[in-house]
PDB file of all heavy atoms in Angstrom:
ATOM      1  N   LYS A   1      57.597 -26.586  24.800  1.00  0.00           N
ATOM      2  CA  LYS A   1      56.528 -27.474  25.116  1.00  0.00           C
ATOM      3  C   LYS A   1      56.513 -28.644  24.133  1.00  0.00           C
ATOM      4  O   LYS A   1      57.109 -28.599  23.078  1.00  0.00           O
ATOM      5  CB  LYS A   1      55.210 -26.779  25.116  1.00  0.00           C
ATOM      6  CG  LYS A   1      55.021 -25.706  26.184  1.00  0.00           C
ATOM      7  CD  LYS A   1      53.639 -25.202  26.232  1.00  0.00           C
ATOM      8  CE  LYS A   1      53.437 -24.171  27.326  1.00  0.00           C
ATOM      9  NZ  LYS A   1      52.049 -23.651  27.410  1.00  0.00           N
ATOM     10  N   GLU A   2      55.861 -29.723  24.550  1.00  0.00           N
ATOM     11  CA  GLU A   2      55.711 -30.856  23.620  1.00  0.00           C
ATOM     12  C   GLU A   2      54.656 -30.574  22.568  1.00  0.00           C
ATOM     13  O   GLU A   2      53.717 -29.748  22.811  1.00  0.00           O
ATOM     14  CB  GLU A   2      55.347 -32.102  24.440  1.00  0.00           C
ATOM     15  CG  GLU A   2      56.411 -32.585  25.386  1.00  0.00           C
ATOM     16  CD  GLU A   2      56.078 -33.892  26.045  1.00  0.00           C
ATOM     17  OE1 GLU A   2      54.956 -34.377  25.955  1.00  0.00           O
ATOM     18  OE2 GLU A   2      56.981 -34.444  26.685  1.00  0.00           O
ATOM     19  N   ARG A   3      54.724 -31.264  21.518  1.00  0.00           N
ATOM     20  CA  ARG A   3      53.722 -31.131  20.421  1.00  0.00           C
ATOM     21  C   ARG A   3      52.449 -31.696  20.927  1.00  0.00           C
ATOM     22  O   ARG A   3      52.366 -32.746  21.597  1.00  0.00           O
ATOM     23  CB  ARG A   3      54.229 -31.867  19.182  1.00  0.00           C
ATOM     24  CG  ARG A   3      53.369 -31.579  17.988  1.00  0.00           C
ATOM     25  CD  ARG A   3      54.152 -31.748  16.650  1.00  0.00           C
ATOM     26  NE  ARG A   3      54.716 -33.094  16.526  1.00  0.00           N
ATOM     27  CZ  ARG A   3      55.464 -33.421  15.510  1.00  0.00           C
ATOM     28  NH1 ARG A   3      55.758 -32.594  14.572  1.00  0.00           N
ATOM     29  NH2 ARG A   3      55.958 -34.670  15.472  1.00  0.00           N
ATOM     30  N   GLU A   4      51.326 -30.999  20.615  1.00  0.00           N
ATOM     31  CA  GLU A   4      50.025 -31.416  21.091  1.00  0.00           C
ATOM     32  C   GLU A   4      48.986 -31.448  19.974  1.00  0.00           C
ATOM     33  O   GLU A   4      49.094 -30.705  19.003  1.00  0.00           O
ATOM     34  CB  GLU A   4      49.528 -30.493  22.230  1.00  0.00           C
ATOM     35  CG  GLU A   4      49.363 -29.030  21.793  1.00  0.00           C
ATOM     36  CD  GLU A   4      48.842 -28.157  22.944  1.00  0.00           C
ATOM     37  OE1 GLU A   4      48.522 -28.716  24.057  1.00  0.00           O
ATOM     38  OE2 GLU A   4      48.827 -26.927  22.763  1.00  0.00           O
ATOM     39  N   PHE A   5      48.016 -32.269  20.159  1.00  0.00           N
ATOM     40  CA  PHE A   5      46.909 -32.408  19.201  1.00  0.00           C
ATOM     41  C   PHE A   5      46.029 -31.145  19.222  1.00  0.00           C
ATOM     42  O   PHE A   5      45.758 -30.585  20.246  1.00  0.00           O
ATOM     43  CB  PHE A   5      46.050 -33.625  19.592  1.00  0.00           C
ATOM     44  CG  PHE A   5      44.802 -33.734  18.882  1.00  0.00           C
ATOM     45  CD1 PHE A   5      44.724 -34.170  17.590  1.00  0.00           C
ATOM     46  CD2 PHE A   5      43.593 -33.384  19.533  1.00  0.00           C
ATOM     47  CE1 PHE A   5      43.541 -34.259  16.884  1.00  0.00           C
ATOM     48  CE2 PHE A   5      42.344 -33.503  18.850  1.00  0.00           C
ATOM     49  CZ  PHE A   5      42.335 -33.932  17.537  1.00  0.00           C
ATOM     50  N   VAL A   6      45.603 -30.785  18.005  1.00  0.00           N
ATOM     51  CA  VAL A   6      44.689 -29.630  17.844  1.00  0.00           C
ATOM     52  C   VAL A   6      43.323 -30.120  17.298  1.00  0.00           C
ATOM     53  O   VAL A   6      42.304 -29.857  17.873  1.00  0.00           O
ATOM     54  CB  VAL A   6      45.274 -28.562  16.942  1.00  0.00           C
ATOM     55  CG1 VAL A   6      44.296 -27.407  16.728  1.00  0.00           C
ATOM     56  CG2 VAL A   6      46.588 -28.044  17.506  1.00  0.00           C
ATOM     57  N   ALA A   7      43.380 -30.788  16.113  1.00  0.00           N
ATOM     58  CA  ALA A   7      42.132 -31.180  15.463  1.00  0.00           C
ATOM     59  C   ALA A   7      42.425 -32.298  14.485  1.00  0.00           C
ATOM     60  O   ALA A   7      43.523 -32.476  14.027  1.00  0.00           O
ATOM     61  CB  ALA A   7      41.510 -30.008  14.706  1.00  0.00           C
ATOM     62  N   ALA A   8      41.410 -33.094  14.184  1.00  0.00           N
ATOM     63  CA  ALA A   8      41.524 -34.188  13.200  1.00  0.00           C
ATOM     64  C   ALA A   8      40.229 -34.367  12.475  1.00  0.00           C
ATOM     65  O   ALA A   8      39.141 -34.012  12.952  1.00  0.00           O
ATOM     66  CB  ALA A   8      41.921 -35.472  13.904  1.00  0.00           C
ATOM     67  N   ILE A   9      40.338 -34.966  11.285  1.00  0.00           N
ATOM     68  CA  ILE A   9      39.162 -35.278  10.482  1.00  0.00           C
ATOM     69  C   ILE A   9      39.397 -36.679   9.850  1.00  0.00           C
ATOM     70  O   ILE A   9      40.435 -37.011   9.374  1.00  0.00           O
ATOM     71  CB  ILE A   9      38.956 -34.203   9.326  1.00  0.00           C
ATOM     72  CG1 ILE A   9      37.683 -34.473   8.532  1.00  0.00           C
ATOM     73  CG2 ILE A   9      40.195 -34.133   8.438  1.00  0.00           C
ATOM     74  CD1 ILE A   9      37.283 -33.282   7.706  1.00  0.00           C
ATOM     75  N   THR A  10      38.336 -37.519  10.002  1.00  0.00           N
ATOM     76  CA  THR A  10      38.471 -38.885   9.562  1.00  0.00           C
ATOM     77  C   THR A  10      38.360 -38.970   8.034  1.00  0.00           C
ATOM     78  O   THR A  10      37.821 -38.073   7.372  1.00  0.00           O
ATOM     79  CB  THR A  10      37.391 -39.754  10.223  1.00  0.00           C
ATOM     80  OG1 THR A  10      36.096 -39.315   9.817  1.00  0.00           O
ATOM     81  CG2 THR A  10      37.533 -39.742  11.700  1.00  0.00           C
ATOM     82  N   SER A  11      38.850 -40.046   7.464  1.00  0.00           N
ATOM     83  CA  SER A  11      38.932 -40.173   6.011  1.00  0.00           C
ATOM     84  C   SER A  11      37.553 -40.460   5.400  1.00  0.00           C
ATOM     85  O   SER A  11      37.273 -39.836   4.381  1.00  0.00           O
ATOM     86  CB  SER A  11      39.875 -41.299   5.661  1.00  0.00           C
ATOM     87  OG  SER A  11      39.495 -42.528   6.244  1.00  0.00           O
ATOM     88  N   ILE A  12      36.750 -41.305   5.961  1.00  0.00           N
ATOM     89  CA  ILE A  12      35.514 -41.729   5.291  1.00  0.00           C
ATOM     90  C   ILE A  12      34.330 -40.858   5.683  1.00  0.00           C
ATOM     91  O   ILE A  12      33.675 -40.253   4.859  1.00  0.00           O
ATOM     92  CB  ILE A  12      35.248 -43.206   5.617  1.00  0.00           C
ATOM     93  CG1 ILE A  12      36.410 -44.068   5.104  1.00  0.00           C
ATOM     94  CG2 ILE A  12      33.919 -43.635   5.003  1.00  0.00           C
ATOM     95  CD1 ILE A  12      36.252 -45.529   5.477  1.00  0.00           C
ATOM     96  N   SER A  13      34.135 -40.747   6.956  1.00  0.00           N
ATOM     97  CA  SER A  13      32.915 -40.040   7.453  1.00  0.00           C
ATOM     98  C   SER A  13      33.112 -38.557   7.636  1.00  0.00           C
ATOM     99  O   SER A  13      32.136 -37.796   7.828  1.00  0.00           O
ATOM    100  CB  SER A  13      32.429 -40.638   8.723  1.00  0.00           C
ATOM    101  OG  SER A  13      33.392 -40.440   9.746  1.00  0.00           O
ATOM    102  N   THR A  14      34.343 -38.122   7.542  1.00  0.00           N
ATOM    103  CA  THR A  14      34.732 -36.700   7.791  1.00  0.00           C
ATOM    104  C   THR A  14      34.236 -36.204   9.180  1.00  0.00           C
ATOM    105  O   THR A  14      33.887 -35.051   9.332  1.00  0.00           O
ATOM    106  CB  THR A  14      34.220 -35.729   6.706  1.00  0.00           C
ATOM    107  OG1 THR A  14      32.829 -35.733   6.631  1.00  0.00           O
ATOM    108  CG2 THR A  14      34.807 -36.172   5.338  1.00  0.00           C
ATOM    109  N   THR A  15      34.234 -37.129  10.099  1.00  0.00           N
ATOM    110  CA  THR A  15      33.953 -36.730  11.464  1.00  0.00           C
ATOM    111  C   THR A  15      35.150 -35.939  12.017  1.00  0.00           C
ATOM    112  O   THR A  15      36.288 -36.245  11.692  1.00  0.00           O
ATOM    113  CB  THR A  15      33.728 -37.953  12.351  1.00  0.00           C
ATOM    114  OG1 THR A  15      32.661 -38.749  11.784  1.00  0.00           O
ATOM    115  CG2 THR A  15      33.396 -37.563  13.792  1.00  0.00           C
ATOM    116  N   THR A  16      34.844 -34.886  12.778  1.00  0.00           N
ATOM    117  CA  THR A  16      35.914 -34.037  13.275  1.00  0.00           C
ATOM    118  C   THR A  16      36.089 -34.188  14.776  1.00  0.00           C
ATOM    119  O   THR A  16      35.096 -34.428  15.513  1.00  0.00           O
ATOM    120  CB  THR A  16      35.664 -32.567  12.916  1.00  0.00           C
ATOM    121  OG1 THR A  16      34.376 -32.201  13.451  1.00  0.00           O
ATOM    122  CG2 THR A  16      35.666 -32.392  11.433  1.00  0.00           C
ATOM    123  N   TYR A  17      37.324 -33.982  15.226  1.00  0.00           N
ATOM    124  CA  TYR A  17      37.655 -34.066  16.640  1.00  0.00           C
ATOM    125  C   TYR A  17      38.530 -32.857  16.964  1.00  0.00           C
ATOM    126  O   TYR A  17      39.327 -32.406  16.141  1.00  0.00           O
ATOM    127  CB  TYR A  17      38.450 -35.358  16.949  1.00  0.00           C
ATOM    128  CG  TYR A  17      37.588 -36.587  16.794  1.00  0.00           C
ATOM    129  CD1 TYR A  17      37.411 -37.184  15.538  1.00  0.00           C
ATOM    130  CD2 TYR A  17      36.955 -37.192  17.873  1.00  0.00           C
ATOM    131  CE1 TYR A  17      36.671 -38.320  15.365  1.00  0.00           C
ATOM    132  CE2 TYR A  17      36.201 -38.342  17.709  1.00  0.00           C
ATOM    133  CZ  TYR A  17      36.075 -38.909  16.432  1.00  0.00           C
ATOM    134  OH  TYR A  17      35.287 -40.031  16.275  1.00  0.00           O
ATOM    135  N   TYR A  18      38.371 -32.322  18.215  1.00  0.00           N
ATOM    136  CA  TYR A  18      39.149 -31.176  18.586  1.00  0.00           C
ATOM    137  C   TYR A  18      39.692 -31.359  20.023  1.00  0.00           C
ATOM    138  O   TYR A  18      39.089 -32.040  20.842  1.00  0.00           O
ATOM    139  CB  TYR A  18      38.216 -29.921  18.575  1.00  0.00           C
ATOM    140  CG  TYR A  18      37.710 -29.588  17.193  1.00  0.00           C
ATOM    141  CD1 TYR A  18      36.473 -30.042  16.759  1.00  0.00           C
ATOM    142  CD2 TYR A  18      38.503 -28.865  16.319  1.00  0.00           C
ATOM    143  CE1 TYR A  18      35.973 -29.738  15.479  1.00  0.00           C
ATOM    144  CE2 TYR A  18      38.039 -28.551  15.068  1.00  0.00           C
ATOM    145  CZ  TYR A  18      36.776 -29.003  14.635  1.00  0.00           C
ATOM    146  OH  TYR A  18      36.349 -28.724  13.376  1.00  0.00           O
ATOM    147  N   ALA A  19      40.804 -30.674  20.245  1.00  0.00           N
ATOM    148  CA  ALA A  19      41.312 -30.575  21.599  1.00  0.00           C
ATOM    149  C   ALA A  19      40.417 -29.717  22.432  1.00  0.00           C
ATOM    150  O   ALA A  19      39.677 -28.843  21.938  1.00  0.00           O
ATOM    151  CB  ALA A  19      42.711 -29.966  21.559  1.00  0.00           C
ATOM    152  N   ASP A  20      40.407 -30.009  23.703  1.00  0.00           N
ATOM    153  CA  ASP A  20      39.513 -29.222  24.609  1.00  0.00           C
ATOM    154  C   ASP A  20      39.782 -27.737  24.521  1.00  0.00           C
ATOM    155  O   ASP A  20      38.874 -26.910  24.681  1.00  0.00           O
ATOM    156  CB  ASP A  20      39.657 -29.740  26.047  1.00  0.00           C
ATOM    157  CG  ASP A  20      39.099 -31.156  26.206  1.00  0.00           C
ATOM    158  OD1 ASP A  20      38.248 -31.582  25.373  1.00  0.00           O
ATOM    159  OD2 ASP A  20      39.454 -31.795  27.224  1.00  0.00           O
ATOM    160  N   PHE A  21      41.029 -27.334  24.396  1.00  0.00           N
ATOM    161  CA  PHE A  21      41.388 -25.902  24.436  1.00  0.00           C
ATOM    162  C   PHE A  21      40.820 -25.149  23.237  1.00  0.00           C
ATOM    163  O   PHE A  21      40.769 -23.924  23.184  1.00  0.00           O
ATOM    164  CB  PHE A  21      42.867 -25.690  24.553  1.00  0.00           C
ATOM    165  CG  PHE A  21      43.674 -26.228  23.384  1.00  0.00           C
ATOM    166  CD1 PHE A  21      43.719 -25.534  22.188  1.00  0.00           C
ATOM    167  CD2 PHE A  21      44.411 -27.360  23.496  1.00  0.00           C
ATOM    168  CE1 PHE A  21      44.436 -25.982  21.140  1.00  0.00           C
ATOM    169  CE2 PHE A  21      45.137 -27.845  22.424  1.00  0.00           C
ATOM    170  CZ  PHE A  21      45.145 -27.171  21.203  1.00  0.00           C
ATOM    171  N   VAL A  22      40.443 -25.878  22.177  1.00  0.00           N
ATOM    172  CA  VAL A  22      39.878 -25.181  21.028  1.00  0.00           C
ATOM    173  C   VAL A  22      38.596 -24.474  21.363  1.00  0.00           C
ATOM    174  O   VAL A  22      38.328 -23.372  20.887  1.00  0.00           O
ATOM    175  CB  VAL A  22      39.630 -26.206  19.865  1.00  0.00           C
ATOM    176  CG1 VAL A  22      38.806 -25.615  18.753  1.00  0.00           C
ATOM    177  CG2 VAL A  22      40.997 -26.713  19.351  1.00  0.00           C
ATOM    178  N   GLN A  23      37.703 -25.088  22.107  1.00  0.00           N
ATOM    179  CA  GLN A  23      36.493 -24.516  22.650  1.00  0.00           C
ATOM    180  C   GLN A  23      35.652 -23.792  21.566  1.00  0.00           C
ATOM    181  O   GLN A  23      35.226 -22.655  21.754  1.00  0.00           O
ATOM    182  CB  GLN A  23      36.846 -23.486  23.753  1.00  0.00           C
ATOM    183  CG  GLN A  23      37.505 -24.135  24.968  1.00  0.00           C
ATOM    184  CD  GLN A  23      37.893 -23.105  26.020  1.00  0.00           C
ATOM    185  OE1 GLN A  23      38.252 -21.971  25.673  1.00  0.00           O
ATOM    186  NE2 GLN A  23      37.875 -23.518  27.278  1.00  0.00           N
ATOM    187  N   GLY A  24      35.512 -24.480  20.440  1.00  0.00           N
ATOM    188  CA  GLY A  24      34.658 -23.938  19.377  1.00  0.00           C
ATOM    189  C   GLY A  24      35.292 -22.868  18.526  1.00  0.00           C
ATOM    190  O   GLY A  24      34.615 -22.301  17.635  1.00  0.00           O
ATOM    191  N   ARG A  25      36.554 -22.548  18.738  1.00  0.00           N
ATOM    192  CA  ARG A  25      37.187 -21.444  18.018  1.00  0.00           C
ATOM    193  C   ARG A  25      37.770 -21.900  16.665  1.00  0.00           C
ATOM    194  O   ARG A  25      37.960 -21.083  15.751  1.00  0.00           O
ATOM    195  CB  ARG A  25      38.305 -20.880  18.866  1.00  0.00           C
ATOM    196  CG  ARG A  25      37.813 -20.297  20.185  1.00  0.00           C
ATOM    197  CD  ARG A  25      38.970 -19.695  20.985  1.00  0.00           C
ATOM    198  NE  ARG A  25      39.946 -20.742  21.347  1.00  0.00           N
ATOM    199  CZ  ARG A  25      41.265 -20.625  21.119  1.00  0.00           C
ATOM    200  NH1 ARG A  25      41.740 -19.551  20.556  1.00  0.00           N
ATOM    201  NH2 ARG A  25      42.054 -21.601  21.477  1.00  0.00           N
ATOM    202  N   PHE A  26      38.121 -23.186  16.567  1.00  0.00           N
ATOM    203  CA  PHE A  26      38.804 -23.690  15.335  1.00  0.00           C
ATOM    204  C   PHE A  26      37.863 -24.611  14.602  1.00  0.00           C
ATOM    205  O   PHE A  26      37.024 -25.349  15.215  1.00  0.00           O
ATOM    206  CB  PHE A  26      40.051 -24.451  15.680  1.00  0.00           C
ATOM    207  CG  PHE A  26      41.126 -23.623  16.386  1.00  0.00           C
ATOM    208  CD1 PHE A  26      42.304 -24.261  16.810  1.00  0.00           C
ATOM    209  CD2 PHE A  26      41.015 -22.294  16.624  1.00  0.00           C
ATOM    210  CE1 PHE A  26      43.293 -23.564  17.434  1.00  0.00           C
ATOM    211  CE2 PHE A  26      42.031 -21.575  17.224  1.00  0.00           C
ATOM    212  CZ  PHE A  26      43.197 -22.211  17.636  1.00  0.00           C
ATOM    213  N   THR A  27      38.082 -24.701  13.276  1.00  0.00           N
ATOM    214  CA  THR A  27      37.319 -25.655  12.458  1.00  0.00           C
ATOM    215  C   THR A  27      38.206 -26.305  11.461  1.00  0.00           C
ATOM    216  O   THR A  27      38.876 -25.639  10.702  1.00  0.00           O
ATOM    217  CB  THR A  27      36.150 -24.925  11.719  1.00  0.00           C
ATOM    218  OG1 THR A  27      35.301 -24.275  12.620  1.00  0.00           O
ATOM    219  CG2 THR A  27      35.353 -25.986  10.890  1.00  0.00           C
ATOM    220  N   ILE A  28      38.243 -27.633  11.460  1.00  0.00           N
ATOM    221  CA  ILE A  28      39.043 -28.420  10.513  1.00  0.00           C
ATOM    222  C   ILE A  28      38.115 -28.779   9.414  1.00  0.00           C
ATOM    223  O   ILE A  28      36.933 -29.222   9.602  1.00  0.00           O
ATOM    224  CB  ILE A  28      39.774 -29.622  11.125  1.00  0.00           C
ATOM    225  CG1 ILE A  28      40.663 -30.284  10.152  1.00  0.00           C
ATOM    226  CG2 ILE A  28      38.720 -30.591  11.681  1.00  0.00           C
ATOM    227  CD1 ILE A  28      41.561 -31.373  10.746  1.00  0.00           C
ATOM    228  N   SER A  29      38.594 -28.724   8.158  1.00  0.00           N
ATOM    229  CA  SER A  29      37.753 -29.108   7.037  1.00  0.00           C
ATOM    230  C   SER A  29      38.657 -29.664   5.913  1.00  0.00           C
ATOM    231  O   SER A  29      39.819 -29.503   5.928  1.00  0.00           O
ATOM    232  CB  SER A  29      36.951 -27.910   6.486  1.00  0.00           C
ATOM    233  OG  SER A  29      37.876 -26.886   6.075  1.00  0.00           O
ATOM    234  N   ARG A  30      37.977 -30.298   4.987  1.00  0.00           N
ATOM    235  CA  ARG A  30      38.738 -30.912   3.864  1.00  0.00           C
ATOM    236  C   ARG A  30      38.126 -30.516   2.548  1.00  0.00           C
ATOM    237  O   ARG A  30      36.872 -30.472   2.429  1.00  0.00           O
ATOM    238  CB  ARG A  30      38.720 -32.448   4.018  1.00  0.00           C
ATOM    239  CG  ARG A  30      39.732 -33.165   3.137  1.00  0.00           C
ATOM    240  CD  ARG A  30      39.676 -34.647   3.418  1.00  0.00           C
ATOM    241  NE  ARG A  30      38.447 -35.197   2.858  1.00  0.00           N
ATOM    242  CZ  ARG A  30      37.860 -36.335   3.389  1.00  0.00           C
ATOM    243  NH1 ARG A  30      38.429 -36.944   4.419  1.00  0.00           N
ATOM    244  NH2 ARG A  30      36.754 -36.808   2.842  1.00  0.00           N
ATOM    245  N   ASP A  31      38.919 -30.235   1.603  1.00  0.00           N
ATOM    246  CA  ASP A  31      38.454 -29.870   0.229  1.00  0.00           C
ATOM    247  C   ASP A  31      39.006 -30.962  -0.717  1.00  0.00           C
ATOM    248  O   ASP A  31      40.176 -30.949  -1.077  1.00  0.00           O
ATOM    249  CB  ASP A  31      38.967 -28.476  -0.166  1.00  0.00           C
ATOM    250  CG  ASP A  31      38.276 -28.022  -1.500  1.00  0.00           C
ATOM    251  OD1 ASP A  31      38.065 -28.886  -2.378  1.00  0.00           O
ATOM    252  OD2 ASP A  31      38.109 -26.857  -1.626  1.00  0.00           O
ATOM    253  N   ASP A  32      38.148 -31.887  -1.101  1.00  0.00           N
ATOM    254  CA  ASP A  32      38.623 -32.966  -1.904  1.00  0.00           C
ATOM    255  C   ASP A  32      38.990 -32.514  -3.316  1.00  0.00           C
ATOM    256  O   ASP A  32      39.886 -33.123  -3.964  1.00  0.00           O
ATOM    257  CB  ASP A  32      37.523 -34.046  -1.983  1.00  0.00           C
ATOM    258  CG  ASP A  32      37.299 -34.742  -0.637  1.00  0.00           C
ATOM    259  OD1 ASP A  32      38.154 -34.583   0.274  1.00  0.00           O
ATOM    260  OD2 ASP A  32      36.232 -35.345  -0.465  1.00  0.00           O
ATOM    261  N   ASP A  33      38.398 -31.494  -3.817  1.00  0.00           N
ATOM    262  CA  ASP A  33      38.744 -31.001  -5.165  1.00  0.00           C
ATOM    263  C   ASP A  33      40.139 -30.400  -5.179  1.00  0.00           C
ATOM    264  O   ASP A  33      40.937 -30.629  -6.103  1.00  0.00           O
ATOM    265  CB  ASP A  33      37.746 -29.975  -5.652  1.00  0.00           C
ATOM    266  CG  ASP A  33      36.403 -30.648  -5.961  1.00  0.00           C
ATOM    267  OD1 ASP A  33      36.339 -31.837  -6.249  1.00  0.00           O
ATOM    268  OD2 ASP A  33      35.344 -29.899  -5.920  1.00  0.00           O
ATOM    269  N   LYS A  34      40.465 -29.651  -4.121  1.00  0.00           N
ATOM    270  CA  LYS A  34      41.778 -29.007  -4.039  1.00  0.00           C
ATOM    271  C   LYS A  34      42.809 -29.905  -3.374  1.00  0.00           C
ATOM    272  O   LYS A  34      43.990 -29.582  -3.307  1.00  0.00           O
ATOM    273  CB  LYS A  34      41.686 -27.726  -3.241  1.00  0.00           C
ATOM    274  CG  LYS A  34      40.807 -26.646  -3.932  1.00  0.00           C
ATOM    275  CD  LYS A  34      40.769 -25.385  -3.145  1.00  0.00           C
ATOM    276  CE  LYS A  34      39.937 -24.315  -3.840  1.00  0.00           C
ATOM    277  NZ  LYS A  34      39.856 -23.055  -3.025  1.00  0.00           N
ATOM    278  N   ASN A  35      42.308 -31.060  -2.834  1.00  0.00           N
ATOM    279  CA  ASN A  35      43.231 -32.029  -2.140  1.00  0.00           C
ATOM    280  C   ASN A  35      43.900 -31.321  -0.976  1.00  0.00           C
ATOM    281  O   ASN A  35      45.116 -31.474  -0.762  1.00  0.00           O
ATOM    282  CB  ASN A  35      44.272 -32.554  -3.087  1.00  0.00           C
ATOM    283  CG  ASN A  35      44.547 -34.024  -2.801  1.00  0.00           C
ATOM    284  OD1 ASN A  35      43.623 -34.860  -2.662  1.00  0.00           O
ATOM    285  ND2 ASN A  35      45.847 -34.348  -2.698  1.00  0.00           N
ATOM    286  N   THR A  36      43.150 -30.573  -0.165  1.00  0.00           N
ATOM    287  CA  THR A  36      43.719 -29.855   0.969  1.00  0.00           C
ATOM    288  C   THR A  36      42.897 -30.061   2.216  1.00  0.00           C
ATOM    289  O   THR A  36      41.706 -30.413   2.167  1.00  0.00           O
ATOM    290  CB  THR A  36      43.773 -28.325   0.706  1.00  0.00           C
ATOM    291  OG1 THR A  36      42.455 -27.893   0.424  1.00  0.00           O
ATOM    292  CG2 THR A  36      44.667 -28.016  -0.453  1.00  0.00           C
TER     293      THR A  36
END
């Protein structure tokens, strides 16, 4: 299959976006201290 989008987080506002198939199961987050 082709590569597909799963989730994203914006740089400034940390707004998150998810693919429809995630359906609340996945959470993207950022740890600025750990740079991850």
